[in-house]
Amino acid sequence: MRNLLITALCLVVALPGVAQTVSPKPSRLGLCAACHGETGVAVMPGAPNLAGQRLDYLRAALKHYRDGSRDVPVMRAAIGPLSDAELDAVARWYSVQIPAAAKP
């Protein structure tokens, strides 16, 4: 019984720290999720999986799509109205998602 109480107490103490490391779901994820999936596993043929990509890569890529230096009209239209903070939230969300296992 004592071990169970100690374990429960440790979990209660540790959970707030774990919860803070998980990115909240961005409010502007909808257009991204339509092709790339809510968890970053693409739902549209030809769209890349974004789950688990490096945060710095995703941030830079999103900004390049938005400013047109990566010339993909559908991405520019989808990301154009997003602010830097919204782009950062989307990049952060996808970077912490778990990539899908490769199919054999």
C-alpha atoms as a PDB file:
ATOM      1  CA  MET A   1       0.000   0.000   0.000  1.00  0.00           C
ATOM      2  CA  ARG A   2       2.821   2.367   0.876  1.00  0.00           C
ATOM      3  CA  ASN A   3       4.491   1.817  -2.537  1.00  0.00           C
ATOM      4  CA  LEU A   4       1.217   2.551  -4.298  1.00  0.00           C
ATOM      5  CA  LEU A   5       0.831   5.845  -2.441  1.00  0.00           C
ATOM      6  CA  ILE A   6       4.417   6.858  -3.204  1.00  0.00           C
ATOM      7  CA  THR A   7       3.932   6.014  -6.892  1.00  0.00           C
ATOM      8  CA  ALA A   8       0.674   7.986  -7.031  1.00  0.00           C
ATOM      9  CA  LEU A   9       2.312  10.979  -5.345  1.00  0.00           C
ATOM     10  CA  CYS A  10       5.224  10.891  -7.808  1.00  0.00           C
ATOM     11  CA  LEU A  11       2.789  10.856 -10.742  1.00  0.00           C
ATOM     12  CA  VAL A  12       0.830  13.802  -9.367  1.00  0.00           C
ATOM     13  CA  VAL A  13       4.035  15.783  -8.948  1.00  0.00           C
ATOM     14  CA  ALA A  14       5.381  14.855 -12.424  1.00  0.00           C
ATOM     15  CA  LEU A  15       2.231  15.376 -14.514  1.00  0.00           C
ATOM     16  CA  PRO A  16       2.232  19.202 -14.576  1.00  0.00           C
ATOM     17  CA  GLY A  17       5.779  19.175 -15.994  1.00  0.00           C
ATOM     18  CA  VAL A  18       4.822  16.685 -18.677  1.00  0.00           C
ATOM     19  CA  ALA A  19       1.675  18.623 -19.576  1.00  0.00           C
ATOM     20  CA  GLN A  20       3.677  21.804 -20.136  1.00  0.00           C
ATOM     21  CA  THR A  21       5.927  20.162 -22.729  1.00  0.00           C
ATOM     22  CA  VAL A  22       3.007  19.124 -24.954  1.00  0.00           C
ATOM     23  CA  SER A  23       1.986  21.782 -27.452  1.00  0.00           C
ATOM     24  CA  PRO A  24      -1.683  22.722 -27.425  1.00  0.00           C
ATOM     25  CA  LYS A  25      -3.597  22.032 -30.635  1.00  0.00           C
ATOM     26  CA  PRO A  26      -3.418  25.233 -32.711  1.00  0.00           C
ATOM     27  CA  SER A  27      -6.698  26.963 -33.463  1.00  0.00           C
ATOM     28  CA  ARG A  28      -5.625  27.467 -37.107  1.00  0.00           C
ATOM     29  CA  LEU A  29      -4.773  23.811 -37.809  1.00  0.00           C
ATOM     30  CA  GLY A  30      -7.839  23.163 -40.008  1.00  0.00           C
ATOM     31  CA  LEU A  31      -6.459  23.963 -43.464  1.00  0.00           C
ATOM     32  CA  CYS A  32      -3.195  22.173 -42.719  1.00  0.00           C
ATOM     33  CA  ALA A  33      -4.993  19.098 -41.385  1.00  0.00           C
ATOM     34  CA  ALA A  34      -7.108  18.843 -44.538  1.00  0.00           C
ATOM     35  CA  CYS A  35      -4.031  17.573 -46.422  1.00  0.00           C
ATOM     36  CA  HIS A  36      -1.386  16.765 -43.806  1.00  0.00           C
ATOM     37  CA  GLY A  37      -3.730  15.230 -41.226  1.00  0.00           C
ATOM     38  CA  GLU A  38      -4.385  16.492 -37.729  1.00  0.00           C
ATOM     39  CA  THR A  39      -1.560  14.359 -36.354  1.00  0.00           C
ATOM     40  CA  GLY A  40       0.802  15.059 -39.238  1.00  0.00           C
ATOM     41  CA  VAL A  41       0.149  11.828 -41.104  1.00  0.00           C
ATOM     42  CA  ALA A  42      -0.942  12.902 -44.590  1.00  0.00           C
ATOM     43  CA  VAL A  43      -4.513  12.130 -45.604  1.00  0.00           C
ATOM     44  CA  MET A  44      -4.128  13.328 -49.187  1.00  0.00           C
ATOM     45  CA  PRO A  45      -1.973  11.524 -51.764  1.00  0.00           C
ATOM     46  CA  GLY A  46       1.191  13.486 -52.489  1.00  0.00           C
ATOM     47  CA  ALA A  47       1.065  15.558 -49.279  1.00  0.00           C
ATOM     48  CA  PRO A  48       4.095  14.927 -47.082  1.00  0.00           C
ATOM     49  CA  ASN A  49       3.832  13.637 -43.523  1.00  0.00           C
ATOM     50  CA  LEU A  50       4.775  16.362 -41.066  1.00  0.00           C
ATOM     51  CA  ALA A  51       4.680  14.421 -37.802  1.00  0.00           C
ATOM     52  CA  GLY A  52       7.999  14.527 -36.005  1.00  0.00           C
ATOM     53  CA  GLN A  53       9.724  16.923 -38.411  1.00  0.00           C
ATOM     54  CA  ARG A  54      12.291  19.237 -36.819  1.00  0.00           C
ATOM     55  CA  LEU A  55      10.718  22.389 -35.393  1.00  0.00           C
ATOM     56  CA  ASP A  56      13.246  24.745 -37.003  1.00  0.00           C
ATOM     57  CA  TYR A  57      12.689  23.129 -40.419  1.00  0.00           C
ATOM     58  CA  LEU A  58       8.888  23.403 -40.167  1.00  0.00           C
ATOM     59  CA  ARG A  59       9.074  27.032 -39.008  1.00  0.00           C
ATOM     60  CA  ALA A  60      11.344  28.022 -41.874  1.00  0.00           C
ATOM     61  CA  ALA A  61       9.370  26.081 -44.492  1.00  0.00           C
ATOM     62  CA  LEU A  62       6.067  27.648 -43.429  1.00  0.00           C
ATOM     63  CA  LYS A  63       7.544  31.148 -43.597  1.00  0.00           C
ATOM     64  CA  HIS A  64       9.017  30.428 -47.042  1.00  0.00           C
ATOM     65  CA  TYR A  65       5.636  29.201 -48.311  1.00  0.00           C
ATOM     66  CA  ARG A  66       3.951  32.287 -46.897  1.00  0.00           C
ATOM     67  CA  ASP A  67       6.424  34.779 -48.379  1.00  0.00           C
ATOM     68  CA  GLY A  68       6.516  32.997 -51.754  1.00  0.00           C
ATOM     69  CA  SER A  69      10.173  31.951 -51.765  1.00  0.00           C
ATOM     70  CA  ARG A  70       8.818  28.397 -51.947  1.00  0.00           C
ATOM     71  CA  ASP A  71       6.440  28.806 -54.834  1.00  0.00           C
ATOM     72  CA  VAL A  72       3.546  26.445 -54.121  1.00  0.00           C
ATOM     73  CA  PRO A  73       0.311  28.403 -54.670  1.00  0.00           C
ATOM     74  CA  VAL A  74      -1.917  26.109 -52.603  1.00  0.00           C
ATOM     75  CA  MET A  75       0.426  26.393 -49.619  1.00  0.00           C
ATOM     76  CA  ARG A  76       0.729  30.146 -49.988  1.00  0.00           C
ATOM     77  CA  ALA A  77      -3.070  30.466 -50.087  1.00  0.00           C
ATOM     78  CA  ALA A  78      -3.465  28.251 -47.015  1.00  0.00           C
ATOM     79  CA  ILE A  79      -0.743  29.929 -44.950  1.00  0.00           C
ATOM     80  CA  GLY A  80      -0.989  33.502 -46.226  1.00  0.00           C
ATOM     81  CA  PRO A  81      -3.337  34.778 -43.539  1.00  0.00           C
ATOM     82  CA  LEU A  82      -1.433  33.195 -40.634  1.00  0.00           C
ATOM     83  CA  SER A  83       0.632  35.366 -38.300  1.00  0.00           C
ATOM     84  CA  ASP A  84       4.143  34.433 -37.148  1.00  0.00           C
ATOM     85  CA  ALA A  85       2.684  33.231 -33.829  1.00  0.00           C
ATOM     86  CA  GLU A  86       0.133  31.046 -35.632  1.00  0.00           C
ATOM     87  CA  LEU A  87       2.818  29.610 -37.929  1.00  0.00           C
ATOM     88  CA  ASP A  88       4.939  28.860 -34.888  1.00  0.00           C
ATOM     89  CA  ALA A  89       2.010  27.086 -33.183  1.00  0.00           C
ATOM     90  CA  VAL A  90       1.388  24.906 -36.256  1.00  0.00           C
ATOM     91  CA  ALA A  91       5.106  24.073 -36.585  1.00  0.00           C
ATOM     92  CA  ARG A  92       5.350  23.266 -32.883  1.00  0.00           C
ATOM     93  CA  TRP A  93       2.227  21.041 -33.069  1.00  0.00           C
ATOM     94  CA  TYR A  94       3.469  18.956 -35.980  1.00  0.00           C
ATOM     95  CA  SER A  95       7.016  18.684 -34.597  1.00  0.00           C
ATOM     96  CA  VAL A  96       5.808  16.890 -31.443  1.00  0.00           C
ATOM     97  CA  GLN A  97       3.485  14.456 -33.211  1.00  0.00           C
ATOM     98  CA  ILE A  98       4.571  10.855 -33.522  1.00  0.00           C
ATOM     99  CA  PRO A  99       5.447   9.772 -37.076  1.00  0.00           C
ATOM    100  CA  ALA A 100       3.555   6.837 -38.545  1.00  0.00           C
ATOM    101  CA  ALA A 101       5.379   3.528 -38.700  1.00  0.00           C
ATOM    102  CA  ALA A 102       6.727   2.650 -42.130  1.00  0.00           C
ATOM    103  CA  LYS A 103       4.698   0.028 -43.971  1.00  0.00           C
ATOM    104  CA  PRO A 104       6.712  -3.108 -44.861  1.00  0.00           C
END
